[in-house]
C-alpha atoms as a PDB file:
ATOM      1  CA  MET A   1     -31.566 -94.042  23.544  1.00  0.00           C
ATOM      2  CA  ASP A   2     -30.717 -90.618  23.169  1.00  0.00           C
ATOM      3  CA  PHE A   3     -28.147 -90.850  20.344  1.00  0.00           C
ATOM      4  CA  ILE A   4     -27.731 -86.876  19.337  1.00  0.00           C
ATOM      5  CA  TYR A   5     -24.742 -86.254  21.543  1.00  0.00           C
ATOM      6  CA  PHE A   6     -23.240 -88.932  20.014  1.00  0.00           C
ATOM      7  CA  PHE A   7     -24.167 -86.651  16.007  1.00  0.00           C
ATOM      8  CA  PHE A   8     -22.625 -84.084  18.684  1.00  0.00           C
ATOM      9  CA  VAL A   9     -19.231 -86.040  18.660  1.00  0.00           C
ATOM     10  CA  ALA A  10     -18.222 -86.917  15.524  1.00  0.00           C
ATOM     11  CA  PHE A  11     -19.620 -83.796  13.864  1.00  0.00           C
ATOM     12  CA  PHE A  12     -17.146 -82.013  16.472  1.00  0.00           C
ATOM     13  CA  LEU A  13     -13.955 -85.101  15.386  1.00  0.00           C
ATOM     14  CA  PHE A  14     -15.256 -83.687  12.466  1.00  0.00           C
ATOM     15  CA  ALA A  15     -15.054 -80.251  12.256  1.00  0.00           C
ATOM     16  CA  ILE A  16     -12.007 -80.683  13.453  1.00  0.00           C
ATOM     17  CA  GLY A  17     -10.650 -82.887  11.423  1.00  0.00           C
ATOM     18  CA  VAL A  18     -11.277 -80.924   8.484  1.00  0.00           C
ATOM     19  CA  GLY A  19     -10.367 -77.766   9.772  1.00  0.00           C
ATOM     20  CA  GLY A  20      -6.317 -78.916  10.527  1.00  0.00           C
ATOM     21  CA  VAL A  21      -5.881 -80.187   6.854  1.00  0.00           C
ATOM     22  CA  VAL A  22      -6.830 -77.435   5.814  1.00  0.00           C
ATOM     23  CA  LEU A  23      -5.923 -74.416   8.482  1.00  0.00           C
ATOM     24  CA  ASN A  24      -2.546 -76.925   8.424  1.00  0.00           C
ATOM     25  CA  ARG A  25      -0.098 -75.783   5.608  1.00  0.00           C
ATOM     26  CA  THR A  26       3.498 -76.447   7.100  1.00  0.00           C
ATOM     27  CA  ASN A  27       3.531 -79.858   8.853  1.00  0.00           C
ATOM     28  CA  ILE A  28       2.394 -83.032   6.825  1.00  0.00           C
ATOM     29  CA  VAL A  29       2.289 -85.287   9.996  1.00  0.00           C
ATOM     30  CA  VAL A  30      -0.272 -82.926  11.277  1.00  0.00           C
ATOM     31  CA  VAL A  31      -2.495 -83.122   7.631  1.00  0.00           C
ATOM     32  CA  LEU A  32      -2.416 -86.933   8.187  1.00  0.00           C
ATOM     33  CA  MET A  33      -3.204 -87.268  11.710  1.00  0.00           C
ATOM     34  CA  SER A  34      -5.768 -84.568  11.064  1.00  0.00           C
ATOM     35  CA  LEU A  35      -6.794 -87.339   8.144  1.00  0.00           C
ATOM     36  CA  GLU A  36      -6.762 -90.202   9.868  1.00  0.00           C
ATOM     37  CA  LEU A  37      -9.625 -88.401  12.301  1.00  0.00           C
ATOM     38  CA  ALA A  38     -11.512 -87.293  10.568  1.00  0.00           C
ATOM     39  CA  LEU A  39     -11.800 -90.671   8.958  1.00  0.00           C
ATOM     40  CA  LEU A  40     -12.523 -91.793  12.207  1.00  0.00           C
ATOM     41  CA  SER A  41     -15.673 -89.560  13.006  1.00  0.00           C
ATOM     42  CA  VAL A  42     -17.137 -90.643   9.356  1.00  0.00           C
ATOM     43  CA  SER A  43     -16.497 -94.329  11.362  1.00  0.00           C
ATOM     44  CA  LEU A  44     -18.264 -93.599  14.220  1.00  0.00           C
ATOM     45  CA  ASN A  45     -21.454 -91.544  12.404  1.00  0.00           C
ATOM     46  CA  PHE A  46     -21.772 -95.484  10.449  1.00  0.00           C
ATOM     47  CA  ILE A  47     -21.342 -96.461  13.915  1.00  0.00           C
ATOM     48  CA  ILE A  48     -24.706 -94.484  15.252  1.00  0.00           C
ATOM     49  CA  PHE A  49     -26.596 -95.185  12.424  1.00  0.00           C
ATOM     50  CA  SER A  50     -26.223 -98.839  12.066  1.00  0.00           C
ATOM     51  CA  ALA A  51     -27.111 -98.461  15.918  1.00  0.00           C
ATOM     52  CA  CYS A  52     -30.226 -96.556  15.353  1.00  0.00           C
ATOM     53  CA  LEU A  53     -30.903 -98.409  12.347  1.00  0.00           C
ATOM     54  CA  GLY A  54     -30.700-102.195  13.892  1.00  0.00           C
ATOM     55  CA  ASP A  55     -28.509-103.031  11.122  1.00  0.00           C
ATOM     56  CA  LEU A  56     -25.132-103.932  10.855  1.00  0.00           C
ATOM     57  CA  MET A  57     -23.338-102.807   7.642  1.00  0.00           C
ATOM     58  CA  GLY A  58     -22.894 -99.654   9.249  1.00  0.00           C
ATOM     59  CA  GLN A  59     -20.969-101.317  11.849  1.00  0.00           C
ATOM     60  CA  ILE A  60     -19.114-103.392   8.333  1.00  0.00           C
ATOM     61  CA  PHE A  61     -18.377 -99.962   6.791  1.00  0.00           C
ATOM     62  CA  ALA A  62     -16.788 -98.752   9.381  1.00  0.00           C
ATOM     63  CA  ILE A  63     -14.596-101.995  10.337  1.00  0.00           C
ATOM     64  CA  PHE A  64     -13.839-101.804   6.419  1.00  0.00           C
ATOM     65  CA  ILE A  65     -12.917 -97.178   7.135  1.00  0.00           C
ATOM     66  CA  LEU A  66     -10.884 -98.375   9.912  1.00  0.00           C
ATOM     67  CA  ILE A  67      -8.653-101.086   8.182  1.00  0.00           C
ATOM     68  CA  ILE A  68      -7.746 -98.347   5.014  1.00  0.00           C
ATOM     69  CA  ALA A  69      -7.797 -95.622   7.339  1.00  0.00           C
ATOM     70  CA  ALA A  70      -4.052 -98.103   8.864  1.00  0.00           C
ATOM     71  CA  CYS A  71      -3.001 -98.737   5.314  1.00  0.00           C
ATOM     72  CA  GLU A  72      -3.233 -95.163   4.361  1.00  0.00           C
ATOM     73  CA  SER A  73      -0.994 -93.803   7.498  1.00  0.00           C
ATOM     74  CA  SER A  74       1.470 -96.242   6.930  1.00  0.00           C
ATOM     75  CA  VAL A  75       2.364 -95.851   3.302  1.00  0.00           C
ATOM     76  CA  GLY A  76       1.708 -91.648   4.677  1.00  0.00           C
ATOM     77  CA  LEU A  77       4.707 -92.309   7.153  1.00  0.00           C
ATOM     78  CA  ALA A  78       6.740 -94.892   5.060  1.00  0.00           C
ATOM     79  CA  ILE A  79       6.724 -91.817   1.793  1.00  0.00           C
ATOM     80  CA  ILE A  80       7.315 -89.229   5.068  1.00  0.00           C
ATOM     81  CA  LEU A  81      10.149 -91.311   6.077  1.00  0.00           C
ATOM     82  CA  VAL A  82      11.869 -91.738   2.709  1.00  0.00           C
ATOM     83  CA  TYR A  83      11.215 -87.824   2.805  1.00  0.00           C
ATOM     84  CA  PHE A  84      12.467 -87.092   4.669  1.00  0.00           C
ATOM     85  CA  ARG A  85      15.951 -88.710   4.692  1.00  0.00           C
ATOM     86  CA  VAL A  86      17.016 -87.075   1.645  1.00  0.00           C
ATOM     87  CA  ARG A  87      15.519 -83.971   2.538  1.00  0.00           C
ATOM     88  CA  GLY A  88      15.552 -83.024   6.263  1.00  0.00           C
ATOM     89  CA  SER A  89      12.894 -81.433   6.146  1.00  0.00           C
ATOM     90  CA  ILE A  90       8.725 -82.891   6.405  1.00  0.00           C
ATOM     91  CA  ARG A  91       7.204 -79.422   5.498  1.00  0.00           C
ATOM     92  CA  ILE A  92       4.536 -78.900   3.054  1.00  0.00           C
ATOM     93  CA  ASP A  93       6.670 -76.269   1.436  1.00  0.00           C
ATOM     94  CA  GLN A  94       9.224 -76.879   0.820  1.00  0.00           C
ATOM     95  CA  ALA A  95       7.368 -80.413  -1.113  1.00  0.00           C
ATOM     96  CA  SER A  96       7.113 -78.725  -3.972  1.00  0.00           C
ATOM     97  CA  LEU A  97      11.233 -79.570  -5.033  1.00  0.00           C
ATOM     98  CA  LEU A  98       9.908 -83.148  -5.667  1.00  0.00           C
ATOM     99  CA  LYS A  99       9.012 -81.414  -9.379  1.00  0.00           C
ATOM    100  CA  SER A 100      11.169 -82.344 -12.000  1.00  0.00           C
END
């Protein structure tokens, strides 16, 4: 099979994810979504390499990555929800107010 197209898709998703984390400095929700997109592209790369090599270890790592990403997003969204209730905004610029 020709897996090169899947590598391009995974690289494109990773580039969008890293670009969203680096370029967006105001909205924490977009930063979390970009981080999830980068983790998804890494998981896709593990699955592609697993299919190319005929090994199941890449698929097992991909499942672990998805589990960790789901836990990270749920904890992150809970922290954002509490921060929004306290401050009334979820801008990263105002997050420095948390420092004592």
